[in-house]
């Protein structure tokens, strides 16, 4: 059984992940970035989220360039993903969803985090 999730037009995110790096133009494009120091616990959560998204965005961008798709636009078309939304999440202007990570794992072989010892 295939369950489809709804992809709505891109709305304004709660925050922009790229705003937490000192090098916003490098978000998703370079392996290592310098990050802002969080001011409180809420901001610390957003910085951690931004760092995780950057790592996945970079991995996706690299994998797409080495895949038969060769471009993000071709990858989006081949996977029926909204190109505008995909580019926004890859550059850190929109928040990545878990479905985006699962799609990248399924279509590009992006590694998922390993379960802790004893978990299945």
C-alpha atoms as a PDB file:
ATOM      1  CA  UNK A   1       0.000   0.000   0.000  1.00  0.00           C
ATOM      2  CA  UNK A   2       1.381   3.385  -0.960  1.00  0.00           C
ATOM      3  CA  UNK A   3       0.514   6.329   1.223  1.00  0.00           C
ATOM      4  CA  UNK A   4       0.967   9.704  -0.398  1.00  0.00           C
ATOM      5  CA  UNK A   5       1.687  12.769   1.615  1.00  0.00           C
ATOM      6  CA  UNK A   6       0.363  16.120   0.601  1.00  0.00           C
ATOM      7  CA  UNK A   7       2.827  18.607  -0.778  1.00  0.00           C
ATOM      8  CA  UNK A   8       1.384  22.043  -0.497  1.00  0.00           C
ATOM      9  CA  UNK A   9       2.846  25.211  -1.917  1.00  0.00           C
ATOM     10  CA  UNK A  10       5.823  26.441   0.035  1.00  0.00           C
ATOM     11  CA  UNK A  11       4.712  28.460   3.036  1.00  0.00           C
ATOM     12  CA  UNK A  12       6.806  30.631   5.295  1.00  0.00           C
ATOM     13  CA  UNK A  13       8.837  28.399   7.612  1.00  0.00           C
ATOM     14  CA  UNK A  14       8.998  28.894  11.378  1.00  0.00           C
ATOM     15  CA  UNK A  15      12.653  29.786  10.813  1.00  0.00           C
ATOM     16  CA  UNK A  16      15.203  29.644   8.029  1.00  0.00           C
ATOM     17  CA  UNK A  17      17.933  27.132   8.836  1.00  0.00           C
ATOM     18  CA  UNK A  18      20.522  29.080   6.827  1.00  0.00           C
ATOM     19  CA  UNK A  19      20.074  32.054   9.158  1.00  0.00           C
ATOM     20  CA  UNK A  20      21.982  30.147  11.867  1.00  0.00           C
ATOM     21  CA  UNK A  21      25.208  29.889   9.911  1.00  0.00           C
ATOM     22  CA  UNK A  22      27.807  32.604   9.507  1.00  0.00           C
ATOM     23  CA  UNK A  23      28.094  31.538   5.844  1.00  0.00           C
ATOM     24  CA  UNK A  24      24.462  31.368   4.578  1.00  0.00           C
ATOM     25  CA  UNK A  25      25.468  31.166   0.892  1.00  0.00           C
ATOM     26  CA  UNK A  26      27.342  27.944   1.648  1.00  0.00           C
ATOM     27  CA  UNK A  27      24.332  26.198   3.193  1.00  0.00           C
ATOM     28  CA  UNK A  28      23.980  22.787   1.531  1.00  0.00           C
ATOM     29  CA  UNK A  29      26.855  23.570  -0.848  1.00  0.00           C
ATOM     30  CA  UNK A  30      30.026  23.211   1.214  1.00  0.00           C
ATOM     31  CA  UNK A  31      30.929  20.467   3.647  1.00  0.00           C
ATOM     32  CA  UNK A  32      31.762  22.645   6.644  1.00  0.00           C
ATOM     33  CA  UNK A  33      30.171  25.866   7.855  1.00  0.00           C
ATOM     34  CA  UNK A  34      30.662  28.144  10.838  1.00  0.00           C
ATOM     35  CA  UNK A  35      27.572  28.343  13.051  1.00  0.00           C
ATOM     36  CA  UNK A  36      26.046  31.024  15.290  1.00  0.00           C
ATOM     37  CA  UNK A  37      26.158  30.628  19.042  1.00  0.00           C
ATOM     38  CA  UNK A  38      22.639  30.010  20.360  1.00  0.00           C
ATOM     39  CA  UNK A  39      21.247  32.486  22.865  1.00  0.00           C
ATOM     40  CA  UNK A  40      18.812  30.162  24.640  1.00  0.00           C
ATOM     41  CA  UNK A  41      17.494  26.584  24.603  1.00  0.00           C
ATOM     42  CA  UNK A  42      14.961  27.283  21.857  1.00  0.00           C
ATOM     43  CA  UNK A  43      17.606  28.803  19.617  1.00  0.00           C
ATOM     44  CA  UNK A  44      19.967  25.925  20.408  1.00  0.00           C
ATOM     45  CA  UNK A  45      17.322  23.513  19.078  1.00  0.00           C
ATOM     46  CA  UNK A  46      17.054  25.537  15.872  1.00  0.00           C
ATOM     47  CA  UNK A  47      20.843  25.651  15.426  1.00  0.00           C
ATOM     48  CA  UNK A  48      21.047  21.863  15.859  1.00  0.00           C
ATOM     49  CA  UNK A  49      18.159  21.440  13.409  1.00  0.00           C
ATOM     50  CA  UNK A  50      19.908  23.736  10.917  1.00  0.00           C
ATOM     51  CA  UNK A  51      23.151  21.768  11.213  1.00  0.00           C
ATOM     52  CA  UNK A  52      21.371  18.453  10.632  1.00  0.00           C
ATOM     53  CA  UNK A  53      19.526  19.895   7.629  1.00  0.00           C
ATOM     54  CA  UNK A  54      22.758  21.309   6.211  1.00  0.00           C
ATOM     55  CA  UNK A  55      24.435  17.895   6.453  1.00  0.00           C
ATOM     56  CA  UNK A  56      21.535  16.227   4.621  1.00  0.00           C
ATOM     57  CA  UNK A  57      21.243  19.051   2.058  1.00  0.00           C
ATOM     58  CA  UNK A  58      24.948  18.779   1.295  1.00  0.00           C
ATOM     59  CA  UNK A  59      24.727  14.979   1.001  1.00  0.00           C
ATOM     60  CA  UNK A  60      21.697  15.256  -1.304  1.00  0.00           C
ATOM     61  CA  UNK A  61      23.345  17.881  -3.513  1.00  0.00           C
ATOM     62  CA  UNK A  62      26.501  15.790  -3.811  1.00  0.00           C
ATOM     63  CA  UNK A  63      24.556  12.577  -4.511  1.00  0.00           C
ATOM     64  CA  UNK A  64      22.376  14.241  -7.152  1.00  0.00           C
ATOM     65  CA  UNK A  65      25.444  15.534  -8.998  1.00  0.00           C
ATOM     66  CA  UNK A  66      26.814  11.962  -9.170  1.00  0.00           C
ATOM     67  CA  UNK A  67      23.487  10.327 -10.009  1.00  0.00           C
ATOM     68  CA  UNK A  68      21.944   9.739 -13.442  1.00  0.00           C
ATOM     69  CA  UNK A  69      19.770  12.821 -12.776  1.00  0.00           C
ATOM     70  CA  UNK A  70      22.834  15.130 -12.604  1.00  0.00           C
ATOM     71  CA  UNK A  71      20.766  18.201 -11.614  1.00  0.00           C
ATOM     72  CA  UNK A  72      18.391  19.015  -8.786  1.00  0.00           C
ATOM     73  CA  UNK A  73      15.712  19.902 -11.332  1.00  0.00           C
ATOM     74  CA  UNK A  74      16.003  16.510 -13.054  1.00  0.00           C
ATOM     75  CA  UNK A  75      15.997  14.746  -9.655  1.00  0.00           C
ATOM     76  CA  UNK A  76      12.856  16.655  -8.645  1.00  0.00           C
ATOM     77  CA  UNK A  77      11.113  15.697 -11.888  1.00  0.00           C
ATOM     78  CA  UNK A  78      12.152  12.045 -11.649  1.00  0.00           C
ATOM     79  CA  UNK A  79      10.884  11.776  -8.063  1.00  0.00           C
ATOM     80  CA  UNK A  80       7.741  13.910  -8.500  1.00  0.00           C
ATOM     81  CA  UNK A  81       9.040  16.391  -5.962  1.00  0.00           C
ATOM     82  CA  UNK A  82       8.137  20.074  -6.078  1.00  0.00           C
ATOM     83  CA  UNK A  83      11.287  21.694  -7.507  1.00  0.00           C
ATOM     84  CA  UNK A  84      10.694  25.075  -5.865  1.00  0.00           C
ATOM     85  CA  UNK A  85      10.306  23.510  -2.412  1.00  0.00           C
ATOM     86  CA  UNK A  86      13.291  21.205  -2.932  1.00  0.00           C
ATOM     87  CA  UNK A  87      15.586  24.090  -3.838  1.00  0.00           C
ATOM     88  CA  UNK A  88      14.392  26.031  -0.788  1.00  0.00           C
ATOM     89  CA  UNK A  89      15.180  23.176   1.584  1.00  0.00           C
ATOM     90  CA  UNK A  90      18.564  22.507  -0.031  1.00  0.00           C
ATOM     91  CA  UNK A  91      19.626  26.138   0.390  1.00  0.00           C
ATOM     92  CA  UNK A  92      18.140  26.383   3.897  1.00  0.00           C
ATOM     93  CA  UNK A  93      15.265  28.755   3.180  1.00  0.00           C
ATOM     94  CA  UNK A  94      12.655  26.154   4.202  1.00  0.00           C
ATOM     95  CA  UNK A  95      12.661  23.414   6.818  1.00  0.00           C
ATOM     96  CA  UNK A  96      13.357  19.864   5.656  1.00  0.00           C
ATOM     97  CA  UNK A  97      10.820  17.181   6.572  1.00  0.00           C
ATOM     98  CA  UNK A  98      11.560  13.593   7.496  1.00  0.00           C
ATOM     99  CA  UNK A  99       9.875  12.569   4.227  1.00  0.00           C
ATOM    100  CA  UNK A 100      12.569  14.515   2.336  1.00  0.00           C
ATOM    101  CA  UNK A 101      15.257  12.502   4.095  1.00  0.00           C
ATOM    102  CA  UNK A 102      13.429   9.220   3.419  1.00  0.00           C
ATOM    103  CA  UNK A 103      13.038  10.136  -0.273  1.00  0.00           C
ATOM    104  CA  UNK A 104      16.756  10.924  -0.518  1.00  0.00           C
ATOM    105  CA  UNK A 105      17.579   7.629   1.176  1.00  0.00           C
ATOM    106  CA  UNK A 106      15.322   5.665  -1.164  1.00  0.00           C
ATOM    107  CA  UNK A 107      16.247   7.463  -4.401  1.00  0.00           C
ATOM    108  CA  UNK A 108      19.874   8.466  -3.834  1.00  0.00           C
ATOM    109  CA  UNK A 109      21.123   6.019  -1.214  1.00  0.00           C
ATOM    110  CA  UNK A 110      21.722   8.756   1.380  1.00  0.00           C
ATOM    111  CA  UNK A 111      22.674   7.026   4.622  1.00  0.00           C
ATOM    112  CA  UNK A 112      20.302   7.256   7.551  1.00  0.00           C
ATOM    113  CA  UNK A 113      21.523   7.646  11.124  1.00  0.00           C
ATOM    114  CA  UNK A 114      22.438   4.301  12.639  1.00  0.00           C
ATOM    115  CA  UNK A 115      20.223   3.012  15.479  1.00  0.00           C
ATOM    116  CA  UNK A 116      21.803   2.906  18.917  1.00  0.00           C
ATOM    117  CA  UNK A 117      23.150  -0.423  20.105  1.00  0.00           C
ATOM    118  CA  UNK A 118      20.277  -2.669  21.157  1.00  0.00           C
ATOM    119  CA  UNK A 119      17.689  -0.859  18.982  1.00  0.00           C
ATOM    120  CA  UNK A 120      16.224  -2.382  15.856  1.00  0.00           C
END
